[in-house]
Protein backbone atom coordinates (compact mmCIF):
# COMPACT_ATOMS: atom_id res chain seq x y z
CA MET A 1 -32.21 18.31 9.07
CA LYS A 2 -30.01 20.51 7.41
CA LYS A 3 -26.91 22.56 8.23
CA GLU A 4 -24.95 25.50 6.66
CA LEU A 5 -22.16 25.82 5.14
CA VAL A 6 -20.09 29.28 4.13
CA TRP A 7 -18.07 28.90 1.78
CA GLY A 8 -15.56 32.40 0.44
CA ILE A 9 -15.93 33.43 -3.26
CA GLY A 10 -13.48 35.14 -3.91
CA THR A 11 -11.39 36.92 -7.30
CA LEU A 12 -8.56 34.30 -7.42
CA CYS A 13 -9.05 32.30 -10.22
CA GLY A 14 -12.59 32.36 -10.14
CA GLY A 15 -13.15 29.54 -7.59
CA LEU A 16 -15.29 28.58 -4.58
CA PHE A 17 -12.37 27.31 -2.77
CA PHE A 18 -10.63 30.19 -3.16
CA ALA A 19 -11.37 33.25 -0.05
CA ALA A 20 -10.26 36.49 -1.38
CA GLY A 21 -11.86 39.55 0.06
CA SER A 22 -15.21 40.14 1.68
CA ALA A 23 -17.57 38.03 -0.55
CA SER A 24 -19.54 35.12 0.67
CA ALA A 25 -22.33 32.59 -0.31
CA GLN A 26 -24.46 30.86 1.94
CA VAL A 27 -24.86 26.82 0.75
CA ILE A 28 -27.50 24.78 2.50
CA VAL A 29 -26.33 21.12 2.32
CA SER A 30 -28.64 18.57 3.33
CA SER A 31 -27.12 16.16 5.82
CA PRO A 32 -26.35 13.39 5.81
CA GLY A 33 -24.37 13.22 2.64
CA PRO A 34 -21.10 11.31 1.40
CA ALA A 35 -19.17 14.18 3.44
CA ASP A 36 -20.48 12.53 6.39
CA GLY A 37 -19.22 9.83 8.94
CA TRP A 38 -15.87 9.99 9.01
CA THR A 39 -15.44 9.57 12.68
CA THR A 40 -12.66 6.33 13.08
CA HIS A 41 -9.53 8.22 13.24
CA TYR A 42 -5.84 6.24 13.58
CA ARG A 43 -2.45 6.97 13.13
CA ILE A 44 0.25 5.34 10.77
CA ALA A 45 3.81 5.52 9.87
CA GLU A 46 3.73 5.35 5.77
CA SER A 47 6.92 5.08 4.40
CA LEU A 48 6.29 6.98 1.06
CA ASP A 49 9.64 6.48 -0.39
CA ALA A 50 13.50 5.56 0.97
CA SER A 51 12.85 7.74 3.70
CA ALA A 52 11.81 6.95 7.54
CA PRO A 53 8.42 6.65 7.91
CA VAL A 54 6.11 9.20 8.91
CA LEU A 55 2.60 9.39 10.83
CA PHE A 56 0.01 9.97 8.63
CA ASP A 57 -3.76 11.00 10.33
CA PHE A 58 -6.59 8.34 8.68
CA TYR A 59 -10.45 9.64 9.13
CA CYS A 60 -12.68 6.91 8.02
CA LYS A 61 -16.16 5.60 8.12
CA SER A 62 -18.14 2.37 7.54
CA MET A 63 -14.59 0.77 8.78
CA LEU A 64 -14.56 -2.68 10.70
CA GLN A 65 -18.51 -2.85 10.92
CA ASN A 66 -18.87 -3.84 6.97
CA ALA A 67 -16.46 -5.75 4.99
CA PHE A 68 -15.25 -2.51 3.17
CA GLY A 69 -14.53 0.57 4.40
CA GLU A 70 -12.86 3.91 3.56
CA CYS A 71 -10.65 6.31 4.83
CA GLN A 72 -9.27 9.66 3.80
CA VAL A 73 -5.53 10.06 4.37
CA PHE A 74 -3.64 13.43 5.67
CA GLU A 75 -0.50 14.64 6.36
CA ASN A 76 -1.36 15.28 9.93
CA ASN A 77 -4.41 16.42 11.96
CA SER A 78 -4.35 20.38 12.39
CA ALA A 79 -7.14 22.37 10.75
CA ASP A 80 -5.47 22.77 7.90
CA ALA A 81 -3.60 19.55 6.74
CA ARG A 82 -3.82 18.43 2.88
CA LEU A 83 -5.74 15.51 1.69
CA ILE A 84 -2.84 13.29 0.42
CA GLY A 85 -4.39 9.97 -0.51
CA ILE A 86 -7.20 7.75 0.76
CA GLU A 87 -7.45 3.94 1.70
CA MET A 88 -9.62 1.22 1.25
CA ILE A 89 -10.16 -1.64 3.43
CA ILE A 90 -11.93 -5.05 3.37
CA ASP A 91 -12.18 -7.39 5.71
CA ALA A 92 -10.40 -11.19 5.63
CA GLN A 93 -12.79 -13.26 4.20
CA THR A 94 -13.36 -10.27 1.16
CA TYR A 95 -9.54 -10.68 1.01
CA GLY A 96 -9.55 -14.45 0.61
CA ALA A 97 -12.06 -14.31 -2.26
CA LEU A 98 -9.82 -11.71 -4.37
CA SER A 99 -7.74 -12.89 -7.37
CA LEU A 100 -4.23 -13.81 -6.70
CA PRO A 101 -2.87 -10.51 -8.78
CA GLU A 102 -5.37 -8.57 -6.96
CA GLN A 103 -4.42 -9.49 -3.51
CA LYS A 104 -0.79 -8.28 -4.58
CA LEU A 105 -2.31 -4.66 -4.35
CA TRP A 106 -3.48 -4.93 -0.89
CA LYS A 107 -1.49 -4.56 2.69
CA SER A 108 -2.25 -6.45 5.29
CA HIS A 109 -2.80 -4.50 8.33
CA GLY A 110 -1.72 -7.50 10.91
CA GLN A 111 2.03 -6.32 11.62
CA ASP A 112 1.44 -2.21 11.49
CA ALA A 113 1.70 0.21 14.36
CA VAL A 114 -1.58 1.97 15.05
CA GLN A 115 -2.40 4.20 16.62
CA PHE A 116 -6.67 5.38 18.03
CA PRO A 117 -5.73 8.84 19.38
CA ASP A 118 -9.73 9.30 20.23
CA PHE A 119 -10.69 5.91 21.77
CA THR A 120 -10.10 5.24 25.36
CA ASP A 121 -7.55 2.48 26.06
CA ALA A 122 -10.14 0.06 26.22
CA GLU A 123 -11.59 0.92 23.09
CA GLN A 124 -8.32 0.67 21.48
CA SER A 125 -7.34 -2.83 22.18
CA LEU A 126 -10.90 -3.83 20.74
CA LEU A 127 -9.91 -1.69 17.77
CA LEU A 128 -6.54 -2.73 17.23
CA ASN A 129 -7.65 -6.49 17.55
CA ALA A 130 -10.12 -6.16 14.24
CA PHE A 131 -7.65 -3.66 13.06
CA ARG A 132 -5.55 -6.44 12.15
CA SER A 133 -7.10 -8.46 10.51
CA THR A 134 -8.14 -6.16 7.63
CA TYR A 135 -6.70 -5.22 4.51
CA GLY A 136 -5.77 -1.43 2.77
CA LYS A 137 -5.42 -0.10 -0.17
CA PHE A 138 -3.44 2.83 -0.04
CA TYR A 139 -3.41 5.20 -3.15
CA LEU A 140 -0.60 8.00 -2.25
CA LEU A 141 -2.04 11.30 -4.46
CA TRP A 142 0.90 13.24 -3.70
CA ASN A 143 3.98 13.50 -1.66
CA PRO A 144 3.93 16.54 0.34
CA ALA A 145 7.16 16.25 1.23
CA LEU A 146 8.51 16.85 -2.19
CA SER A 147 6.68 19.22 -3.47
CA ASP A 148 3.98 22.24 -2.07
CA LEU A 149 1.46 21.39 -4.53
CA PRO A 150 0.20 17.75 -5.44
CA GLN A 151 2.37 17.00 -8.35
CA GLY A 152 3.01 13.77 -10.06
CA LEU A 153 1.07 10.70 -10.48
CA PRO A 154 -0.40 8.85 -8.15
CA SER A 155 0.41 5.69 -6.58
CA LEU A 156 -0.29 2.45 -4.60
CA ILE A 157 1.74 2.08 -1.32
CA PRO A 158 3.62 0.15 -1.23
CA SER A 159 3.61 -0.34 -4.77
CA PRO A 160 3.30 -3.36 -6.50
CA ALA A 161 6.19 -2.29 -9.30
CA SER A 162 8.73 -1.62 -6.21
CA ALA A 163 8.99 -5.39 -5.10
CA PRO A 164 12.62 -7.28 -5.78
CA PRO A 165 14.62 -7.56 -7.61
CA ALA A 166 16.71 -5.81 -4.76
CA ALA A 167 14.57 -6.47 -1.72
CA ALA A 168 14.97 -10.69 -2.85
CA LEU A 169 18.80 -9.88 -2.82
CA ALA A 170 18.78 -8.74 0.48
CA ALA A 171 21.27 -11.54 1.58
CA PRO A 172 24.90 -11.79 1.38
CA GLN A 173 25.27 -14.25 -1.28
CA ASN A 174 27.17 -16.79 1.39
CA ASN A 175 24.25 -17.13 3.30
CA VAL A 176 21.64 -16.69 0.53
CA GLN A 177 19.07 -19.98 0.80
CA VAL A 178 18.81 -22.29 -1.85
CA LEU A 179 15.10 -22.30 -3.28
CA SER A 180 13.62 -25.42 -4.78
CA LEU A 181 10.84 -27.97 -5.81
CA GLY A 182 8.81 -28.36 -2.53
CA THR A 183 10.43 -24.55 -0.60
CA LYS A 184 7.36 -22.46 0.87
CA GLY A 185 7.59 -18.99 2.33
CA ASP A 186 8.31 -15.27 1.70
CA ALA A 187 11.73 -15.72 0.33
CA VAL A 188 9.75 -18.58 -2.28
CA ARG A 189 7.34 -15.31 -2.82
CA ALA A 190 9.81 -12.43 -3.31
CA LEU A 191 11.46 -15.38 -6.00
CA GLN A 192 8.16 -15.29 -8.07
CA ASN A 193 7.86 -11.95 -8.22
CA VAL A 194 11.22 -11.22 -9.52
CA LEU A 195 10.13 -13.57 -12.08
CA ILE A 196 6.96 -12.52 -12.68
CA THR A 197 8.70 -8.94 -13.52
CA LEU A 198 10.93 -10.44 -15.77
CA HIS A 199 8.03 -12.19 -17.84
CA LEU A 200 8.85 -15.60 -17.20
CA LEU A 201 5.87 -16.05 -15.00
CA ALA A 202 2.27 -15.70 -14.80
CA ALA A 203 1.09 -12.41 -12.89
CA ASP A 204 -0.73 -14.94 -10.49
CA MET A 205 1.78 -17.92 -9.46
CA ALA A 206 2.90 -15.28 -6.88
CA THR A 207 2.10 -18.08 -4.18
CA GLY A 208 4.95 -18.64 -2.12
CA PHE A 209 5.24 -22.49 -3.28
CA TYR A 210 8.04 -23.96 -5.29
CA GLY A 211 6.24 -25.53 -7.17
CA LEU A 212 6.40 -27.04 -11.09
CA HIS A 213 5.74 -23.50 -12.82
CA THR A 214 8.50 -21.58 -10.79
CA VAL A 215 11.28 -24.56 -11.91
CA ALA A 216 10.62 -23.85 -15.24
CA ALA A 217 10.92 -20.45 -14.79
CA VAL A 218 13.74 -20.32 -13.02
CA ARG A 219 15.50 -23.09 -15.56
CA ALA A 220 14.38 -20.40 -18.17
CA PHE A 221 16.26 -17.66 -16.02
CA GLN A 222 19.13 -19.88 -15.50
CA LYS A 223 19.78 -20.59 -19.33
CA LYS A 224 19.32 -16.79 -20.42
CA GLU A 225 21.68 -15.84 -17.69
CA GLY A 226 24.02 -18.89 -18.67
CA VAL A 227 23.74 -20.80 -15.42
CA THR A 228 23.27 -24.26 -15.48
CA PRO A 229 19.64 -25.14 -15.40
CA THR A 230 18.70 -26.89 -12.30
CA GLY A 231 15.51 -25.32 -11.30
CA SER A 232 16.54 -24.67 -7.85
CA PHE A 233 17.58 -21.44 -7.05
CA GLY A 234 21.07 -21.13 -5.18
CA PRO A 235 23.79 -18.72 -4.46
CA LYS A 236 24.83 -18.96 -8.43
CA SER A 237 21.33 -17.56 -9.10
CA PHE A 238 20.96 -15.01 -7.11
CA ALA A 239 24.18 -13.33 -8.04
CA LYS A 240 23.12 -13.12 -11.66
CA LEU A 241 19.96 -12.02 -10.41
CA ARG A 242 22.03 -9.14 -8.51
CA VAL A 243 24.04 -7.76 -11.39
CA LEU A 244 20.47 -8.00 -12.85
CA ALA A 245 19.09 -5.39 -10.38
CA GLY A 246 22.71 -3.04 -10.22
CA SER A 247 23.62 -4.40 -6.95
CA GLU A 248 26.47 -5.73 -7.86
């Protein structure tokens, strides 16, 4: 089966995609092709910078039926919406087989407030349950809120490089949890990401477990910053990290 696609050929920039005048050409495109099959549509609010989250429209194929899916991300769902990014989607089993440095580049969909506007309530419930067990790598090509044309370099959302120090230092100094050998959790992982950024810990060591490697990295940080090198990360070490991050 074939379909016809009519492209306007104009004089502006001499390109196929710029229609200027009445000249046109008919291009016969065989179907199916890579442009077909983007049938799963969902919406998620994403924070592209420090501003409030913005709702974007994702159009995907091979999503949830296979271990790997692809999405085109648009600024909205209007006919002239601009393409702003792409997202790759994998299931939990595929994610678990990735190396730790690679896992840090993927975002869990477990907490996303996602909408499937083209499906019934029953279908949405099934899709949502499946979607929450997936992981996405979202490449932002450009931010239309900042410019009318795609300017700047593409980036990952959220960016691994945007991890703390700042996020790890959110708690007030008087209410800081002391992290030490054997501690587990997100606070430990945030600290490890900071130590990796400071080149005191190997890139694959953001495990969320405060082991001997983390103790050694913390001691190195404490010696450098003039804190007694206990290997435990408490209020004095947090204070030094805040100064380093420029938050104090």
